[in-house]
Amino acid sequence: MNEHKAWHVNGFLVLLLGLLCLAGSILSFIAAGEEGHLLWISLGVLLMLVFVVAMSSLTIVHPNESKVIVFFGKYMGTVHDSGFWLVIPFSNKKKVSMKVRNFNSQKLKVNDAEGNPVEIAAVVVFKVVDTAKATFDVDNYETFVEIQSETAIRHIAAQYPYDSFSEDARHSLRGNADEVAAELKAELQNRLSVAGVEVLETRLTHLAYAPEIAGAMLQRQQAVAIVSARQKIVEGAVGMVEMALQQLEEKGIVLDSERRAAMVNNLMVSIVSDRAATPVINTGTLFN
């Protein structure tokens, strides 16, 4: 089922014609009552039928709205132009909104790629672009959007881990929200094209570990952060010690291997330690 334009003309002229027919029908019945002529009665009935047909063919289309015209079970087309129109008489005129709408999903509990239970929710911005498909190819396109959106969110959430704990890891739900939203939009558009719906935007609105594992995962994140910070500190300390030894050599201060090792040890402990260093003055030799 593909959408096409329905026949329609200006409805104000037909409204005026219908009112004139109604007035003529009333006058005809009045004249028939006075004179009792069958001709006046027939004319009154005919004008009344014209009025009824004219009124049944009129419809109003508001901005960002369309009317799907169905004539005795056959799709005759869609009227998108806003205004007052004359369409096929005795037809069914189903209203379909063309406005942009949001669907905010509930918080869904699903396992991520690593099997961890997470809570996830998303908002889907969509609009109808094909009224024929939205009306005839699905039972209720709004319900269809809701069900397919939640199904796609569950499927996408199961493809990625909640978080990545290494730099070379694949995309994660928390660290690559834009990429995940783009993939969700593409999958949703593929699912909703049968209903004549265009997906304009998708965004994750909620993402968190499930309550039963939130505490453990927070400790894991803190541990990873501490290890990463320590790694950076050690890398900086090694560079500082290397620079200090190089500057001593450039100034002509030569240290033997034992003093060099002691200096490296003291500098590394002082820089890497998370507490302030306490100096110890050695009044003897390195060995006493």
Protein backbone atom coordinates (compact mmCIF):
# COMPACT_ATOMS: atom_id res chain seq x y z
CA MET A 1 0.00 0.00 0.00
CA ASN A 2 1.51 3.30 -1.16
CA GLU A 3 0.19 6.77 -0.49
CA HIS A 4 -1.16 8.92 -3.34
CA LYS A 5 -3.05 12.19 -3.57
CA ALA A 6 -6.85 12.11 -3.34
CA TRP A 7 -9.20 14.16 -5.52
CA HIS A 8 -10.45 17.27 -3.71
CA VAL A 9 -11.79 20.72 -4.64
CA ASN A 10 -12.75 23.84 -2.74
CA GLY A 11 -15.61 23.07 -0.37
CA PHE A 12 -17.05 26.55 0.14
CA LEU A 13 -18.80 26.61 -3.24
CA VAL A 14 -20.33 23.21 -2.54
CA LEU A 15 -21.41 24.38 0.91
CA LEU A 16 -23.16 27.36 -0.67
CA LEU A 17 -24.80 25.07 -3.26
CA GLY A 18 -25.95 22.71 -0.50
CA LEU A 19 -27.51 25.53 1.50
CA LEU A 20 -29.34 26.76 -1.60
CA CYS A 21 -30.63 23.23 -2.22
CA LEU A 22 -31.80 23.01 1.38
CA ALA A 23 -33.66 26.31 1.06
CA GLY A 24 -35.14 25.23 -2.29
CA SER A 25 -36.23 21.91 -0.82
CA ILE A 26 -38.02 23.64 2.07
CA LEU A 27 -39.79 26.03 -0.32
CA SER A 28 -40.76 23.10 -2.55
CA PHE A 29 -42.34 21.23 0.36
CA ILE A 30 -44.18 24.37 1.40
CA ALA A 31 -45.47 24.85 -2.16
CA ALA A 32 -46.49 21.17 -2.32
CA GLY A 33 -48.40 21.56 0.93
CA GLU A 34 -50.40 24.50 -0.42
CA GLU A 35 -51.11 23.17 -3.91
CA GLY A 36 -50.57 19.42 -3.40
CA HIS A 37 -48.63 18.98 -6.66
CA LEU A 38 -46.47 15.86 -6.93
CA LEU A 39 -43.97 17.87 -8.97
CA TRP A 40 -43.13 20.11 -6.03
CA ILE A 41 -42.75 17.11 -3.72
CA SER A 42 -40.39 15.37 -6.18
CA LEU A 43 -38.36 18.56 -6.56
CA GLY A 44 -38.14 18.96 -2.78
CA VAL A 45 -36.94 15.37 -2.33
CA LEU A 46 -34.38 15.78 -5.12
CA LEU A 47 -32.99 19.00 -3.64
CA MET A 48 -32.82 17.39 -0.20
CA LEU A 49 -30.83 14.48 -1.64
CA VAL A 50 -28.42 16.93 -3.28
CA PHE A 51 -28.00 18.68 0.08
CA VAL A 52 -27.27 15.39 1.89
CA VAL A 53 -24.75 14.32 -0.76
CA ALA A 54 -23.04 17.71 -0.63
CA MET A 55 -22.77 17.67 3.17
CA SER A 56 -21.38 14.10 3.22
CA SER A 57 -18.56 15.08 0.85
CA LEU A 58 -17.24 18.03 2.89
CA THR A 59 -14.23 17.71 5.20
CA ILE A 60 -11.87 20.00 7.08
CA VAL A 61 -8.11 19.38 7.11
CA HIS A 62 -6.08 21.19 9.79
CA PRO A 63 -2.38 22.14 9.44
CA ASN A 64 0.01 19.21 9.99
CA GLU A 65 -2.89 16.85 9.51
CA SER A 66 -4.13 14.66 6.66
CA LYS A 67 -7.32 12.82 5.77
CA VAL A 68 -7.23 9.30 4.36
CA ILE A 69 -10.20 8.86 2.00
CA VAL A 70 -11.78 5.37 1.85
CA PHE A 71 -14.79 4.81 -0.40
CA PHE A 72 -16.67 1.59 0.40
CA GLY A 73 -13.50 -0.22 1.43
CA LYS A 74 -11.25 1.14 -1.33
CA TYR A 75 -8.40 3.52 -0.63
CA MET A 76 -8.94 6.61 -2.81
CA GLY A 77 -6.01 8.72 -1.67
CA THR A 78 -4.89 11.19 1.00
CA VAL A 79 -5.59 14.91 1.35
CA HIS A 80 -2.62 16.80 2.86
CA ASP A 81 -3.59 20.38 2.00
CA SER A 82 -5.11 22.21 4.94
CA GLY A 83 -8.50 23.84 4.36
CA PHE A 84 -12.17 23.12 3.63
CA TRP A 85 -12.52 20.56 0.83
CA LEU A 86 -15.01 18.59 -1.20
CA VAL A 87 -14.06 14.93 -1.57
CA ILE A 88 -15.85 11.80 -2.77
CA PRO A 89 -19.37 11.65 -1.23
CA PHE A 90 -20.21 9.02 1.39
CA SER A 91 -16.54 8.20 1.92
CA ASN A 92 -14.81 7.50 5.22
CA LYS A 93 -12.34 10.27 6.14
CA LYS A 94 -9.76 9.02 8.65
CA LYS A 95 -7.60 11.67 10.31
CA VAL A 96 -3.84 11.03 10.54
CA SER A 97 -1.57 13.45 12.37
CA MET A 98 1.63 14.52 10.59
CA LYS A 99 3.10 16.22 13.66
CA VAL A 100 6.47 15.30 15.14
CA ARG A 101 5.99 13.21 18.27
CA ASN A 102 8.08 11.69 21.05
CA PHE A 103 7.98 8.24 22.53
CA ASN A 104 9.77 7.98 25.87
CA SER A 105 10.34 4.35 26.72
CA GLN A 106 10.15 2.91 30.20
CA LYS A 107 13.28 1.83 32.06
CA LEU A 108 14.05 -1.57 30.60
CA LYS A 109 16.14 -4.17 32.42
CA VAL A 110 18.38 -6.10 30.03
CA ASN A 111 21.72 -7.93 30.08
CA ASP A 112 24.58 -6.21 28.26
CA ALA A 113 27.15 -7.99 26.06
CA GLU A 114 29.04 -9.18 29.16
CA GLY A 115 25.91 -10.51 30.86
CA ASN A 116 25.63 -7.71 33.42
CA PRO A 117 22.06 -6.55 34.14
CA VAL A 118 21.61 -2.88 33.25
CA GLU A 119 18.70 -0.44 33.17
CA ILE A 120 18.25 1.52 29.95
CA ALA A 121 15.68 3.90 28.49
CA ALA A 122 15.53 6.03 25.34
CA VAL A 123 13.43 8.69 23.65
CA VAL A 124 12.37 8.27 20.02
CA VAL A 125 11.35 11.27 17.90
CA PHE A 126 9.24 10.26 14.90
CA LYS A 127 6.59 11.39 12.43
CA VAL A 128 4.28 9.77 9.88
CA VAL A 129 5.42 10.20 6.27
CA ASP A 130 3.16 7.67 4.52
CA THR A 131 -0.45 7.77 5.70
CA ALA A 132 -1.48 4.75 3.65
CA LYS A 133 1.05 2.46 5.32
CA ALA A 134 0.33 3.92 8.76
CA THR A 135 -3.40 3.29 8.29
CA PHE A 136 -3.60 -0.01 6.41
CA ASP A 137 -0.30 -1.89 6.85
CA VAL A 138 -0.36 -1.96 10.67
CA ASP A 139 -3.22 -2.21 13.12
CA ASN A 140 -2.24 0.83 15.18
CA TYR A 141 0.95 2.62 14.19
CA GLU A 142 1.41 4.34 17.58
CA THR A 143 1.34 1.02 19.43
CA PHE A 144 3.55 -0.45 16.73
CA VAL A 145 6.14 2.31 17.30
CA GLU A 146 6.14 1.69 21.06
CA ILE A 147 6.60 -2.08 20.81
CA GLN A 148 9.26 -1.92 18.10
CA SER A 149 11.15 0.83 19.93
CA GLU A 150 11.43 -1.19 23.13
CA THR A 151 12.43 -4.28 21.15
CA ALA A 152 15.18 -2.35 19.35
CA ILE A 153 16.45 -0.83 22.60
CA ARG A 154 16.75 -4.30 24.15
CA HIS A 155 18.56 -5.62 21.08
CA ILE A 156 21.05 -2.74 20.92
CA ALA A 157 21.76 -2.88 24.67
CA ALA A 158 22.65 -6.56 24.38
CA GLN A 159 25.24 -5.83 21.66
CA TYR A 160 27.56 -3.67 23.80
CA PRO A 161 29.06 -3.83 27.29
CA TYR A 162 27.98 -1.18 29.76
CA ASP A 163 31.50 0.15 30.10
CA SER A 164 34.95 -0.59 28.65
CA PHE A 165 37.83 -0.98 31.08
CA SER A 166 40.67 -0.78 28.55
CA GLU A 167 41.59 1.73 25.85
CA ASP A 168 41.55 -0.83 23.03
CA ALA A 169 38.15 -2.25 23.97
CA ARG A 170 35.15 -2.04 21.66
CA HIS A 171 32.39 0.53 21.97
CA SER A 172 30.39 0.66 25.19
CA LEU A 173 26.96 1.94 26.13
CA ARG A 174 28.34 4.56 28.52
CA GLY A 175 31.40 5.68 26.59
CA ASN A 176 29.89 5.77 23.08
CA ALA A 177 26.36 7.07 23.60
CA ASP A 178 26.27 8.90 20.24
CA GLU A 179 27.31 5.82 18.26
CA VAL A 180 24.82 3.64 20.13
CA ALA A 181 22.03 6.18 19.49
CA ALA A 182 22.90 6.29 15.78
CA GLU A 183 22.76 2.50 15.52
CA LEU A 184 19.47 2.47 17.43
CA LYS A 185 18.04 5.01 14.99
CA ALA A 186 19.12 2.95 11.96
CA GLU A 187 17.62 -0.25 13.37
CA LEU A 188 14.39 1.50 14.33
CA GLN A 189 14.03 3.06 10.89
CA ASN A 190 14.38 -0.38 9.34
CA ARG A 191 11.70 -1.76 11.66
CA LEU A 192 9.25 1.16 11.30
CA SER A 193 9.44 1.73 7.55
CA VAL A 194 6.62 -0.81 7.10
CA ALA A 195 4.36 1.54 9.09
CA GLY A 196 5.22 4.64 7.05
CA VAL A 197 7.04 6.23 10.00
CA GLU A 198 10.29 8.22 9.81
CA VAL A 199 12.59 8.21 12.83
CA LEU A 200 14.07 11.69 13.27
CA GLU A 201 16.21 11.15 16.37
CA THR A 202 16.94 8.69 19.16
CA ARG A 203 18.68 9.42 22.45
CA LEU A 204 19.44 7.40 25.57
CA THR A 205 17.70 9.02 28.54
CA HIS A 206 18.70 6.58 31.26
CA LEU A 207 21.61 4.17 31.66
CA ALA A 208 22.70 2.50 34.88
CA TYR A 209 23.69 -0.82 36.35
CA ALA A 210 20.86 -2.77 37.93
CA PRO A 211 20.62 -2.16 41.71
CA GLU A 212 21.77 -5.68 42.62
CA ILE A 213 25.23 -5.17 41.05
CA ALA A 214 25.58 -1.37 41.16
CA GLY A 215 27.75 -1.42 44.33
CA ALA A 216 30.15 -4.05 43.02
CA MET A 217 30.51 -2.33 39.67
CA LEU A 218 31.19 1.01 41.37
CA GLN A 219 34.05 -0.59 43.31
CA ARG A 220 35.39 -2.03 40.05
CA GLN A 221 35.29 1.37 38.37
CA GLN A 222 37.06 2.95 41.33
CA ALA A 223 39.75 0.28 41.26
CA VAL A 224 40.30 0.76 37.53
CA ALA A 225 40.54 4.51 38.03
CA ILE A 226 43.09 4.10 40.84
CA VAL A 227 45.24 1.71 38.77
CA SER A 228 45.13 4.06 35.80
CA ALA A 229 46.11 7.03 37.96
CA ARG A 230 48.99 5.10 39.54
CA GLN A 231 50.23 4.10 36.11
CA LYS A 232 50.37 7.74 35.03
CA ILE A 233 52.16 8.69 38.26
CA VAL A 234 54.80 5.99 37.77
CA GLU A 235 55.36 7.03 34.16
CA GLY A 236 55.86 10.64 35.26
CA ALA A 237 58.15 9.65 38.12
CA VAL A 238 60.41 7.62 35.83
CA GLY A 239 60.69 10.58 33.48
CA MET A 240 61.54 12.96 36.32
CA VAL A 241 64.21 10.65 37.74
CA GLU A 242 65.74 10.18 34.31
CA MET A 243 65.81 13.94 33.78
CA ALA A 244 67.42 14.52 37.21
CA LEU A 245 70.20 12.02 36.52
CA GLN A 246 70.81 13.52 33.08
CA GLN A 247 71.12 17.03 34.49
CA LEU A 248 73.60 15.83 37.15
CA GLU A 249 75.77 14.27 34.46
CA GLU A 250 75.65 17.44 32.37
CA LYS A 251 76.91 19.44 35.39
CA GLY A 252 79.79 17.02 35.87
CA ILE A 253 78.46 15.34 39.00
CA VAL A 254 79.32 11.69 38.63
CA LEU A 255 77.71 9.08 40.87
CA ASP A 256 78.84 5.53 41.25
CA SER A 257 76.36 2.73 40.76
CA GLU A 258 75.50 2.41 44.46
CA ARG A 259 74.81 6.13 44.95
CA ARG A 260 72.94 6.22 41.68
CA ALA A 261 70.69 3.34 42.80
CA ALA A 262 70.09 5.00 46.18
CA MET A 263 69.15 8.26 44.51
CA VAL A 264 66.77 6.57 42.10
CA ASN A 265 65.14 4.71 44.99
CA ASN A 266 64.68 7.83 47.09
CA LEU A 267 63.29 9.89 44.22
CA MET A 268 60.83 7.19 43.15
CA VAL A 269 59.56 6.71 46.71
CA SER A 270 59.19 10.46 47.19
CA ILE A 271 57.34 11.07 43.92
CA VAL A 272 55.14 7.98 43.81
CA SER A 273 54.08 8.00 47.45
CA ASP A 274 50.65 9.46 48.16
CA ARG A 275 51.96 11.02 51.40
CA ALA A 276 54.44 13.79 52.05
CA ALA A 277 58.05 12.57 52.19
CA THR A 278 59.95 12.70 55.52
CA PRO A 279 63.65 13.47 54.91
CA VAL A 280 66.30 11.38 56.72
CA ILE A 281 69.82 12.82 57.00
CA ASN A 282 72.57 10.22 56.75
CA THR A 283 75.61 11.37 58.73
CA GLY A 284 77.67 8.37 57.87
CA THR A 285 78.38 6.50 54.63
CA LEU A 286 75.91 4.71 52.47
CA PHE A 287 76.60 1.51 54.41
CA ASN A 288 76.74 2.84 58.00
